[in-house]
Amino acid sequence: MKIIKTMMLVMVMLSSVLCAQAQAQNVQAQEQKERQRLTREQLAEKQAHKIAYEMAFDDATTKKFVEAFCQYQKEMWTICPKPEPKCRQRQMSDSETEEEMKQHFERSQKMLDLRKKYHAIYSKFLTPKQVSRVYELEREMMKRFFERHEKHGKGHGSKAKGRKGGRQQGAGEELPPMP
């Protein structure tokens, strides 16, 4: 009789553990789907709010910062659209290489001009130390994002594609904009 009771107790405990584990996996899967559904704009807004929280801005400053940061991101996206996936770099002629380099320099100059523009905007409601810290936090967030992106095998130079050592910058591949 004791054996039957013990077996029943073990079965009940096992089923409750399995049920709890299934629920936890469900919650994780749901959170992951929600994260995947974010648009670029939503992601930029979340980033801005996170930075504002880290900086402990008041409500008025947070509102100004989120607006400016989101607008900055939108303008940066027009300069640097999402990169198209590249399977392999084809051999380019000298003239094609030169043209690509000129385009890269033009994009870099536009990015620099945009950074200067938004530095002036941020300086209207933030101190120089705060602006510097904002840039630092943004870099950290972008670094974590790309590390996570690479870890899940979604990047161009990921181990999933057979390269050792993770991301390797190829010719013509641009890094994300950093202030």
Protein backbone atom coordinates (compact mmCIF):
# COMPACT_ATOMS: atom_id res chain seq x y z
CA MET A 1 0.00 0.00 0.00
CA LYS A 2 2.84 2.36 0.89
CA ILE A 3 4.44 1.69 -2.48
CA ILE A 4 1.27 2.67 -4.32
CA LYS A 5 0.95 5.89 -2.31
CA THR A 6 4.61 6.70 -2.94
CA MET A 7 4.22 6.01 -6.67
CA MET A 8 1.12 8.22 -6.81
CA LEU A 9 2.95 11.00 -4.99
CA VAL A 10 5.89 10.74 -7.38
CA MET A 11 3.52 10.82 -10.38
CA VAL A 12 1.73 13.93 -9.07
CA MET A 13 5.02 15.71 -8.41
CA LEU A 14 6.42 14.74 -11.80
CA SER A 15 3.32 15.95 -13.64
CA SER A 16 3.32 19.27 -11.75
CA VAL A 17 7.02 19.83 -12.55
CA LEU A 18 6.44 19.05 -16.23
CA CYS A 19 3.43 21.35 -16.34
CA ALA A 20 5.37 24.21 -14.73
CA GLN A 21 8.26 23.70 -17.15
CA ALA A 22 5.89 23.76 -20.14
CA GLN A 23 4.34 27.01 -18.90
CA ALA A 24 7.78 28.60 -18.50
CA GLN A 25 8.72 27.59 -22.04
CA ASN A 26 5.44 29.03 -23.30
CA VAL A 27 6.15 32.35 -21.61
CA GLN A 28 9.68 32.45 -23.07
CA ALA A 29 8.42 31.65 -26.56
CA GLN A 30 5.77 34.35 -26.31
CA GLU A 31 8.31 36.95 -25.12
CA GLN A 32 10.64 36.00 -27.95
CA LYS A 33 7.84 36.42 -30.52
CA GLU A 34 7.01 39.85 -29.10
CA ARG A 35 10.66 40.88 -29.36
CA GLN A 36 10.80 39.70 -32.96
CA ARG A 37 7.72 41.70 -33.92
CA LEU A 38 9.22 45.09 -33.03
CA THR A 39 9.63 47.45 -35.95
CA ARG A 40 12.73 49.59 -36.32
CA GLU A 41 10.77 52.57 -35.02
CA GLN A 42 9.56 50.68 -31.97
CA LEU A 43 13.05 49.41 -31.29
CA ALA A 44 14.47 52.94 -31.53
CA GLU A 45 11.79 54.20 -29.13
CA LYS A 46 12.53 51.40 -26.65
CA GLN A 47 16.23 52.22 -26.91
CA ALA A 48 15.54 55.89 -26.26
CA HIS A 49 13.39 55.13 -23.22
CA LYS A 50 16.02 52.76 -21.85
CA ILE A 51 18.73 55.41 -22.25
CA ALA A 52 16.49 58.03 -20.65
CA TYR A 53 15.83 55.65 -17.75
CA GLU A 54 19.55 54.93 -17.32
CA MET A 55 20.25 58.66 -17.33
CA ALA A 56 17.40 59.30 -14.86
CA PHE A 57 15.91 62.10 -16.97
CA ASP A 58 12.80 63.86 -15.76
CA ASP A 59 9.59 63.49 -17.82
CA ALA A 60 10.07 66.63 -19.89
CA THR A 61 13.67 65.78 -20.76
CA THR A 62 12.70 62.19 -21.51
CA LYS A 63 10.03 63.35 -23.94
CA LYS A 64 12.45 65.70 -25.74
CA PHE A 65 15.16 63.05 -25.82
CA VAL A 66 12.91 60.27 -27.16
CA GLU A 67 11.62 62.54 -29.94
CA ALA A 68 15.13 63.66 -30.91
CA PHE A 69 16.64 60.18 -30.69
CA CYS A 70 13.88 58.58 -32.80
CA GLN A 71 14.17 61.32 -35.41
CA TYR A 72 17.96 60.87 -35.44
CA GLN A 73 17.55 57.13 -36.01
CA LYS A 74 15.06 57.70 -38.86
CA GLU A 75 17.45 60.11 -40.56
CA MET A 76 20.33 57.70 -40.07
CA TRP A 77 18.31 54.92 -41.69
CA THR A 78 17.83 57.05 -44.79
CA ILE A 79 21.61 57.48 -45.03
CA CYS A 80 22.39 53.85 -44.21
CA PRO A 81 19.52 51.61 -45.29
CA LYS A 82 19.39 48.00 -44.12
CA PRO A 83 22.24 46.12 -45.75
CA GLU A 84 21.31 43.51 -48.31
CA PRO A 85 22.59 40.06 -47.45
CA LYS A 86 25.78 39.26 -49.35
CA CYS A 87 26.69 35.65 -49.97
CA ARG A 88 30.20 36.24 -51.27
CA GLN A 89 32.07 39.30 -52.37
CA ARG A 90 32.56 39.15 -56.10
CA GLN A 91 35.73 40.45 -57.68
CA MET A 92 35.31 44.12 -58.57
CA SER A 93 37.18 46.11 -61.13
CA ASP A 94 39.32 49.06 -60.03
CA SER A 95 36.68 51.54 -61.19
CA GLU A 96 33.93 49.72 -59.27
CA THR A 97 36.11 49.61 -56.17
CA GLU A 98 36.86 53.33 -56.50
CA GLU A 99 33.16 54.14 -56.93
CA GLU A 100 32.26 52.07 -53.88
CA MET A 101 34.90 53.86 -51.83
CA LYS A 102 33.56 57.26 -52.93
CA GLN A 103 30.05 56.21 -51.93
CA HIS A 104 31.36 55.02 -48.59
CA PHE A 105 33.10 58.38 -47.97
CA GLU A 106 29.94 60.29 -48.93
CA ARG A 107 27.86 58.18 -46.54
CA SER A 108 30.42 58.66 -43.79
CA GLN A 109 30.36 62.43 -44.30
CA LYS A 110 26.55 62.49 -44.21
CA MET A 111 26.63 60.44 -40.99
CA LEU A 112 29.14 62.84 -39.45
CA ASP A 113 27.02 65.84 -40.45
CA LEU A 114 23.94 64.18 -38.95
CA ARG A 115 25.79 63.46 -35.71
CA LYS A 116 26.88 67.09 -35.49
CA LYS A 117 23.30 68.22 -36.12
CA TYR A 118 21.89 66.02 -33.35
CA HIS A 119 24.73 66.88 -31.00
CA ALA A 120 23.57 70.49 -31.28
CA ILE A 121 19.96 69.43 -30.66
CA TYR A 122 20.86 67.30 -27.63
CA SER A 123 23.00 70.15 -26.27
CA LYS A 124 19.89 72.34 -26.02
CA PHE A 125 18.48 70.22 -23.19
CA LEU A 126 21.40 68.07 -21.99
CA THR A 127 24.78 68.91 -20.48
CA PRO A 128 27.95 67.89 -22.38
CA LYS A 129 28.55 65.08 -19.87
CA GLN A 130 25.01 63.81 -20.37
CA VAL A 131 25.41 63.89 -24.16
CA SER A 132 28.64 61.94 -23.86
CA ARG A 133 26.98 59.38 -21.59
CA VAL A 134 24.05 59.03 -24.02
CA TYR A 135 26.51 58.19 -26.82
CA GLU A 136 28.26 55.69 -24.55
CA LEU A 137 24.98 53.96 -23.62
CA GLU A 138 23.92 53.83 -27.26
CA ARG A 139 27.23 52.20 -28.25
CA GLU A 140 26.86 49.63 -25.46
CA MET A 141 23.32 48.80 -26.55
CA MET A 142 24.35 48.42 -30.19
CA LYS A 143 27.29 46.22 -29.18
CA ARG A 144 25.00 43.94 -27.14
CA PHE A 145 22.49 43.84 -29.98
CA PHE A 146 25.08 42.74 -32.52
CA GLU A 147 26.66 40.24 -30.13
CA ARG A 148 23.24 38.70 -29.54
CA HIS A 149 22.56 38.78 -33.28
CA GLU A 150 25.84 36.98 -33.98
CA LYS A 151 25.29 34.49 -31.15
CA HIS A 152 22.04 33.32 -32.74
CA GLY A 153 23.73 32.78 -36.09
CA LYS A 154 21.99 35.57 -37.96
CA GLY A 155 25.02 37.66 -38.81
CA HIS A 156 27.13 37.65 -41.96
CA GLY A 157 30.24 36.31 -40.24
CA SER A 158 28.66 34.01 -37.72
CA LYS A 159 29.97 30.60 -36.75
CA ALA A 160 26.79 29.15 -38.20
CA LYS A 161 28.17 30.00 -41.63
CA GLY A 162 31.39 28.15 -40.93
CA ARG A 163 33.75 30.97 -39.94
CA LYS A 164 35.70 30.67 -36.76
CA GLY A 165 35.82 33.66 -34.48
CA GLY A 166 32.47 35.28 -35.24
CA ARG A 167 32.03 38.49 -37.17
CA GLN A 168 34.60 39.44 -39.77
CA GLN A 169 34.10 42.64 -41.66
CA GLY A 170 34.22 42.09 -45.39
CA ALA A 171 35.01 44.55 -48.14
CA GLY A 172 32.21 47.04 -48.60
CA GLU A 173 30.43 45.94 -45.43
CA GLU A 174 29.62 48.82 -43.13
CA LEU A 175 29.42 48.79 -39.40
CA PRO A 176 26.34 50.34 -37.78
CA PRO A 177 26.34 54.08 -37.19
CA MET A 178 27.84 55.09 -33.88
CA PRO A 179 27.82 58.58 -32.45
